[in-house]
Amino acid sequence: MNKLFIFLLTFFSIPTFAQHLAFMGIPIDGTKESFYSRLESKGFTRTGFCMSGEFAGRTCTVFCTGDPIYQVVVDYLTYRGYVTVFSEGGSRARVISAIDKATQEYKELNQIFQKKYGYADSIEDTRKETSYSAFLGRYEVITRYDTMNGEIFVTLSINLGSSVYKTEPAGSISIKYRDKENYPYSTIQDIYNDI
């Protein structure tokens, strides 16, 4: 009985520390300033309210939301019109659409995340929707990875372009790291109540 009592006393007296989702090894916690200074030590530079640098071998912009921060968003370059792609040796070039280039990068990024986190927990494709955005030729494909400490969303945004509205085809990619400990909303209703 004494051993059980000592075990329980020891077990419940050990402090538990919240585990936060990390971006580039930096826990998503604390203030924006402290997070940004840690990013600067990894080679990012401050550009206004966000940071510019390289993540997953690609140039990107990073910003975070909340106080304490609960979400880090990585935005990659938006491809517009047509893009010149070179072969590995650099000797051959071909022109592909911005949509094809963004889709290719989205697939490559998902392969990186699958190696680290396993297969995606959900994939949402808005091409099947009948919304106004879908009517205009805009849609998103969102892949969600659940981790013990939060969620990661890899998003491909496509705009097919329109001759009526004089917009060219475009594709972009963003990644959201959302920390479970600091995220202020537990349900969709909480979000609506906050508006």
C-alpha atoms as a PDB file:
ATOM      1  CA  MET A   1       0.000   0.000   0.000  1.00  0.00           C
ATOM      2  CA  ASN A   2       2.839   2.368   0.853  1.00  0.00           C
ATOM      3  CA  LYS A   3       4.478   1.690  -2.521  1.00  0.00           C
ATOM      4  CA  LEU A   4       1.242   2.516  -4.337  1.00  0.00           C
ATOM      5  CA  PHE A   5       0.856   5.713  -2.320  1.00  0.00           C
ATOM      6  CA  ILE A   6       4.456   6.785  -3.042  1.00  0.00           C
ATOM      7  CA  PHE A   7       4.032   5.982  -6.749  1.00  0.00           C
ATOM      8  CA  LEU A   8       0.817   8.011  -7.013  1.00  0.00           C
ATOM      9  CA  LEU A   9       2.317  10.898  -5.076  1.00  0.00           C
ATOM     10  CA  THR A  10       5.387  10.921  -7.314  1.00  0.00           C
ATOM     11  CA  PHE A  11       3.330  10.542 -10.502  1.00  0.00           C
ATOM     12  CA  PHE A  12       1.020  13.459  -9.739  1.00  0.00           C
ATOM     13  CA  SER A  13       3.770  15.737  -8.434  1.00  0.00           C
ATOM     14  CA  ILE A  14       5.772  15.586 -11.666  1.00  0.00           C
ATOM     15  CA  PRO A  15       5.040  18.778 -13.600  1.00  0.00           C
ATOM     16  CA  THR A  16       3.544  18.312 -17.021  1.00  0.00           C
ATOM     17  CA  PHE A  17       4.665  20.574 -19.805  1.00  0.00           C
ATOM     18  CA  ALA A  18       2.492  21.477 -22.747  1.00  0.00           C
ATOM     19  CA  GLN A  19       3.902  20.257 -26.023  1.00  0.00           C
ATOM     20  CA  HIS A  20       3.581  22.727 -28.860  1.00  0.00           C
ATOM     21  CA  LEU A  21       3.655  22.143 -32.583  1.00  0.00           C
ATOM     22  CA  ALA A  22       6.965  23.331 -34.009  1.00  0.00           C
ATOM     23  CA  PHE A  23       7.913  25.103 -37.219  1.00  0.00           C
ATOM     24  CA  MET A  24      11.547  24.547 -38.250  1.00  0.00           C
ATOM     25  CA  GLY A  25      12.219  23.289 -34.723  1.00  0.00           C
ATOM     26  CA  ILE A  26      10.765  26.443 -33.125  1.00  0.00           C
ATOM     27  CA  PRO A  27       7.760  25.802 -30.824  1.00  0.00           C
ATOM     28  CA  ILE A  28       4.647  27.736 -31.866  1.00  0.00           C
ATOM     29  CA  ASP A  29       4.286  29.577 -28.587  1.00  0.00           C
ATOM     30  CA  GLY A  30       5.132  32.934 -27.044  1.00  0.00           C
ATOM     31  CA  THR A  31       5.121  36.341 -28.702  1.00  0.00           C
ATOM     32  CA  LYS A  32       5.554  37.167 -32.373  1.00  0.00           C
ATOM     33  CA  GLU A  33       8.755  39.053 -31.567  1.00  0.00           C
ATOM     34  CA  SER A  34      10.383  36.062 -29.887  1.00  0.00           C
ATOM     35  CA  PHE A  35       9.258  33.756 -32.693  1.00  0.00           C
ATOM     36  CA  TYR A  36      10.555  36.137 -35.374  1.00  0.00           C
ATOM     37  CA  SER A  37      13.917  36.540 -33.623  1.00  0.00           C
ATOM     38  CA  ARG A  38      14.299  32.748 -33.607  1.00  0.00           C
ATOM     39  CA  LEU A  39      13.468  32.701 -37.333  1.00  0.00           C
ATOM     40  CA  GLU A  40      16.123  35.376 -37.912  1.00  0.00           C
ATOM     41  CA  SER A  41      18.681  33.048 -36.333  1.00  0.00           C
ATOM     42  CA  LYS A  42      17.690  30.485 -38.998  1.00  0.00           C
ATOM     43  CA  GLY A  43      18.416  32.900 -41.858  1.00  0.00           C
ATOM     44  CA  PHE A  44      15.048  34.643 -42.326  1.00  0.00           C
ATOM     45  CA  THR A  45      14.883  38.419 -42.750  1.00  0.00           C
ATOM     46  CA  ARG A  46      12.168  40.738 -41.534  1.00  0.00           C
ATOM     47  CA  THR A  47      10.011  42.374 -44.207  1.00  0.00           C
ATOM     48  CA  GLY A  48       7.362  44.486 -42.506  1.00  0.00           C
ATOM     49  CA  PHE A  49       5.052  42.369 -40.353  1.00  0.00           C
ATOM     50  CA  CYS A  50       6.376  39.066 -41.730  1.00  0.00           C
ATOM     51  CA  MET A  51       9.597  37.197 -42.446  1.00  0.00           C
ATOM     52  CA  SER A  52      11.181  36.142 -45.744  1.00  0.00           C
ATOM     53  CA  GLY A  53      13.410  33.130 -46.167  1.00  0.00           C
ATOM     54  CA  GLU A  54      13.576  29.567 -47.375  1.00  0.00           C
ATOM     55  CA  PHE A  55      11.496  26.605 -46.217  1.00  0.00           C
ATOM     56  CA  ALA A  56      11.467  23.123 -47.790  1.00  0.00           C
ATOM     57  CA  GLY A  57      13.898  24.335 -50.437  1.00  0.00           C
ATOM     58  CA  ARG A  58      11.640  27.155 -51.640  1.00  0.00           C
ATOM     59  CA  THR A  59      11.570  30.911 -51.089  1.00  0.00           C
ATOM     60  CA  CYS A  60       8.623  31.925 -48.915  1.00  0.00           C
ATOM     61  CA  THR A  61       7.067  34.497 -46.624  1.00  0.00           C
ATOM     62  CA  VAL A  62       6.189  33.506 -43.054  1.00  0.00           C
ATOM     63  CA  PHE A  63       3.852  35.246 -40.613  1.00  0.00           C
ATOM     64  CA  CYS A  64       2.119  34.194 -37.418  1.00  0.00           C
ATOM     65  CA  THR A  65      -1.180  35.004 -35.706  1.00  0.00           C
ATOM     66  CA  GLY A  66      -2.343  35.246 -32.117  1.00  0.00           C
ATOM     67  CA  ASP A  67      -0.888  36.350 -28.821  1.00  0.00           C
ATOM     68  CA  PRO A  68       0.457  33.964 -27.723  1.00  0.00           C
ATOM     69  CA  ILE A  69       0.914  32.793 -31.277  1.00  0.00           C
ATOM     70  CA  TYR A  70      -1.134  29.758 -32.283  1.00  0.00           C
ATOM     71  CA  GLN A  71      -0.628  29.652 -36.046  1.00  0.00           C
ATOM     72  CA  VAL A  72       2.263  30.042 -38.470  1.00  0.00           C
ATOM     73  CA  VAL A  73       1.465  30.589 -42.149  1.00  0.00           C
ATOM     74  CA  VAL A  74       3.971  29.936 -44.924  1.00  0.00           C
ATOM     75  CA  ASP A  75       3.124  31.576 -48.257  1.00  0.00           C
ATOM     76  CA  TYR A  76       4.993  30.645 -51.395  1.00  0.00           C
ATOM     77  CA  LEU A  77       5.338  32.666 -54.575  1.00  0.00           C
ATOM     78  CA  THR A  78       2.170  32.888 -56.653  1.00  0.00           C
ATOM     79  CA  TYR A  79       2.733  31.625 -60.180  1.00  0.00           C
ATOM     80  CA  ARG A  80       0.923  33.581 -62.905  1.00  0.00           C
ATOM     81  CA  GLY A  81       0.414  32.960 -66.600  1.00  0.00           C
ATOM     82  CA  TYR A  82       3.120  30.628 -67.854  1.00  0.00           C
ATOM     83  CA  VAL A  83       6.384  29.548 -66.249  1.00  0.00           C
ATOM     84  CA  THR A  84       9.647  28.400 -67.843  1.00  0.00           C
ATOM     85  CA  VAL A  85      10.904  25.145 -66.324  1.00  0.00           C
ATOM     86  CA  PHE A  86      14.449  23.900 -66.890  1.00  0.00           C
ATOM     87  CA  SER A  87      15.567  20.279 -66.917  1.00  0.00           C
ATOM     88  CA  GLU A  88      17.893  19.055 -64.172  1.00  0.00           C
ATOM     89  CA  GLY A  89      20.979  19.740 -66.274  1.00  0.00           C
ATOM     90  CA  GLY A  90      19.606  23.182 -67.140  1.00  0.00           C
ATOM     91  CA  SER A  91      20.065  22.642 -70.865  1.00  0.00           C
ATOM     92  CA  ARG A  92      16.418  22.210 -71.851  1.00  0.00           C
ATOM     93  CA  ALA A  93      13.581  24.524 -71.075  1.00  0.00           C
ATOM     94  CA  ARG A  94       9.877  24.093 -71.500  1.00  0.00           C
ATOM     95  CA  VAL A  95       6.972  26.359 -70.776  1.00  0.00           C
ATOM     96  CA  ILE A  96       4.141  25.130 -68.562  1.00  0.00           C
ATOM     97  CA  SER A  97       1.113  26.890 -67.140  1.00  0.00           C
ATOM     98  CA  ALA A  98       1.251  28.492 -63.722  1.00  0.00           C
ATOM     99  CA  ILE A  99      -1.436  26.062 -62.585  1.00  0.00           C
ATOM    100  CA  ASP A 100       0.673  23.050 -63.591  1.00  0.00           C
ATOM    101  CA  LYS A 101       3.730  24.496 -61.816  1.00  0.00           C
ATOM    102  CA  ALA A 102       1.808  25.193 -58.591  1.00  0.00           C
ATOM    103  CA  THR A 103       0.208  21.730 -58.733  1.00  0.00           C
ATOM    104  CA  GLN A 104       3.624  20.122 -59.175  1.00  0.00           C
ATOM    105  CA  GLU A 105       5.020  22.031 -56.157  1.00  0.00           C
ATOM    106  CA  TYR A 106       1.939  21.119 -54.090  1.00  0.00           C
ATOM    107  CA  LYS A 107       2.515  17.417 -54.824  1.00  0.00           C
ATOM    108  CA  GLU A 108       6.214  17.699 -53.944  1.00  0.00           C
ATOM    109  CA  LEU A 109       5.443  19.431 -50.631  1.00  0.00           C
ATOM    110  CA  ASN A 110       2.851  16.793 -49.750  1.00  0.00           C
ATOM    111  CA  GLN A 111       5.454  14.085 -50.365  1.00  0.00           C
ATOM    112  CA  ILE A 112       7.723  15.807 -47.836  1.00  0.00           C
ATOM    113  CA  PHE A 113       4.913  15.972 -45.268  1.00  0.00           C
ATOM    114  CA  GLN A 114       3.882  12.351 -45.901  1.00  0.00           C
ATOM    115  CA  LYS A 115       7.426  11.200 -45.145  1.00  0.00           C
ATOM    116  CA  LYS A 116       7.347  13.053 -41.833  1.00  0.00           C
ATOM    117  CA  TYR A 117       3.706  12.693 -40.697  1.00  0.00           C
ATOM    118  CA  GLY A 118       2.320   9.767 -42.702  1.00  0.00           C
ATOM    119  CA  TYR A 119      -0.674   9.964 -44.986  1.00  0.00           C
ATOM    120  CA  ALA A 120      -3.003  12.938 -44.805  1.00  0.00           C
ATOM    121  CA  ASP A 121      -5.978  12.808 -42.477  1.00  0.00           C
ATOM    122  CA  SER A 122      -8.251  14.588 -44.921  1.00  0.00           C
ATOM    123  CA  ILE A 123      -8.248  16.183 -48.344  1.00  0.00           C
ATOM    124  CA  GLU A 124     -10.788  18.845 -49.255  1.00  0.00           C
ATOM    125  CA  ASP A 125     -11.282  19.717 -52.907  1.00  0.00           C
ATOM    126  CA  THR A 126     -13.577  22.671 -53.620  1.00  0.00           C
ATOM    127  CA  ARG A 127     -13.748  22.074 -57.391  1.00  0.00           C
ATOM    128  CA  LYS A 128     -17.010  20.206 -56.879  1.00  0.00           C
ATOM    129  CA  GLU A 129     -18.698  23.150 -55.181  1.00  0.00           C
ATOM    130  CA  THR A 130     -21.257  25.322 -56.919  1.00  0.00           C
ATOM    131  CA  SER A 131     -20.196  28.517 -55.160  1.00  0.00           C
ATOM    132  CA  TYR A 132     -19.536  31.866 -56.796  1.00  0.00           C
ATOM    133  CA  SER A 133     -15.770  31.271 -56.461  1.00  0.00           C
ATOM    134  CA  ALA A 134     -16.078  27.946 -58.275  1.00  0.00           C
ATOM    135  CA  PHE A 135     -18.141  29.666 -60.966  1.00  0.00           C
ATOM    136  CA  LEU A 136     -15.305  32.172 -61.466  1.00  0.00           C
ATOM    137  CA  GLY A 137     -12.809  29.328 -61.795  1.00  0.00           C
ATOM    138  CA  ARG A 138     -11.267  29.569 -58.341  1.00  0.00           C
ATOM    139  CA  TYR A 139     -10.810  26.536 -56.153  1.00  0.00           C
ATOM    140  CA  GLU A 140      -8.622  25.073 -53.438  1.00  0.00           C
ATOM    141  CA  VAL A 141      -7.280  21.662 -52.587  1.00  0.00           C
ATOM    142  CA  ILE A 142      -6.456  21.420 -48.867  1.00  0.00           C
ATOM    143  CA  THR A 143      -4.555  18.512 -47.359  1.00  0.00           C
ATOM    144  CA  ARG A 144      -4.684  18.224 -43.560  1.00  0.00           C
ATOM    145  CA  TYR A 145      -2.154  16.392 -41.390  1.00  0.00           C
ATOM    146  CA  ASP A 146      -3.086  15.793 -37.734  1.00  0.00           C
ATOM    147  CA  THR A 147      -0.199  15.588 -35.295  1.00  0.00           C
ATOM    148  CA  MET A 148      -0.172  15.112 -31.536  1.00  0.00           C
ATOM    149  CA  ASN A 149       0.485  18.822 -31.061  1.00  0.00           C
ATOM    150  CA  GLY A 150      -1.688  20.383 -33.756  1.00  0.00           C
ATOM    151  CA  GLU A 151      -2.654  20.393 -37.403  1.00  0.00           C
ATOM    152  CA  ILE A 152      -0.825  21.215 -40.619  1.00  0.00           C
ATOM    153  CA  PHE A 153      -2.743  22.341 -43.713  1.00  0.00           C
ATOM    154  CA  VAL A 154      -1.098  22.328 -47.148  1.00  0.00           C
ATOM    155  CA  THR A 155      -3.257  24.375 -49.547  1.00  0.00           C
ATOM    156  CA  LEU A 156      -3.157  24.692 -53.323  1.00  0.00           C
ATOM    157  CA  SER A 157      -5.150  27.723 -54.540  1.00  0.00           C
ATOM    158  CA  ILE A 158      -6.024  27.896 -58.224  1.00  0.00           C
ATOM    159  CA  ASN A 159      -7.521  30.674 -60.321  1.00  0.00           C
ATOM    160  CA  LEU A 160      -8.246  29.423 -63.832  1.00  0.00           C
ATOM    161  CA  GLY A 161      -8.336  32.968 -65.188  1.00  0.00           C
ATOM    162  CA  SER A 162     -11.094  34.687 -67.092  1.00  0.00           C
ATOM    163  CA  SER A 163     -11.212  36.562 -70.373  1.00  0.00           C
ATOM    164  CA  VAL A 164     -14.304  38.404 -69.105  1.00  0.00           C
ATOM    165  CA  TYR A 165     -12.593  39.702 -65.958  1.00  0.00           C
ATOM    166  CA  LYS A 166      -9.188  39.899 -67.674  1.00  0.00           C
ATOM    167  CA  THR A 167      -7.376  37.700 -65.163  1.00  0.00           C
ATOM    168  CA  GLU A 168      -4.634  35.259 -66.067  1.00  0.00           C
ATOM    169  CA  PRO A 169      -4.309  31.729 -64.718  1.00  0.00           C
ATOM    170  CA  ALA A 170      -2.582  31.639 -61.337  1.00  0.00           C
ATOM    171  CA  GLY A 171      -1.620  29.095 -58.720  1.00  0.00           C
ATOM    172  CA  SER A 172      -0.251  29.478 -55.212  1.00  0.00           C
ATOM    173  CA  ILE A 173       0.614  27.331 -52.221  1.00  0.00           C
ATOM    174  CA  SER A 174       0.391  28.014 -48.502  1.00  0.00           C
ATOM    175  CA  ILE A 175       1.046  25.924 -45.412  1.00  0.00           C
ATOM    176  CA  LYS A 176      -0.570  26.561 -42.017  1.00  0.00           C
ATOM    177  CA  TYR A 177       0.849  25.152 -38.799  1.00  0.00           C
ATOM    178  CA  ARG A 178      -1.850  25.397 -36.102  1.00  0.00           C
ATOM    179  CA  ASP A 179      -0.813  24.672 -32.521  1.00  0.00           C
ATOM    180  CA  LYS A 180      -3.351  22.690 -30.477  1.00  0.00           C
ATOM    181  CA  GLU A 181      -2.363  24.165 -27.089  1.00  0.00           C
ATOM    182  CA  ASN A 182      -2.715  27.843 -28.023  1.00  0.00           C
ATOM    183  CA  TYR A 183      -5.535  27.648 -30.587  1.00  0.00           C
ATOM    184  CA  PRO A 184      -8.337  29.728 -29.031  1.00  0.00           C
ATOM    185  CA  TYR A 185     -11.271  27.990 -30.727  1.00  0.00           C
ATOM    186  CA  SER A 186     -12.471  24.489 -29.954  1.00  0.00           C
ATOM    187  CA  THR A 187     -15.515  24.517 -32.235  1.00  0.00           C
ATOM    188  CA  ILE A 188     -16.811  26.395 -35.267  1.00  0.00           C
ATOM    189  CA  GLN A 189     -19.425  27.992 -32.981  1.00  0.00           C
ATOM    190  CA  ASP A 190     -16.602  29.548 -30.919  1.00  0.00           C
ATOM    191  CA  ILE A 191     -15.325  31.239 -34.071  1.00  0.00           C
ATOM    192  CA  TYR A 192     -18.780  32.641 -34.923  1.00  0.00           C
ATOM    193  CA  ASN A 193     -19.246  33.834 -31.335  1.00  0.00           C
ATOM    194  CA  ASP A 194     -15.974  35.748 -31.584  1.00  0.00           C
ATOM    195  CA  ILE A 195     -17.046  37.683 -34.704  1.00  0.00           C
END
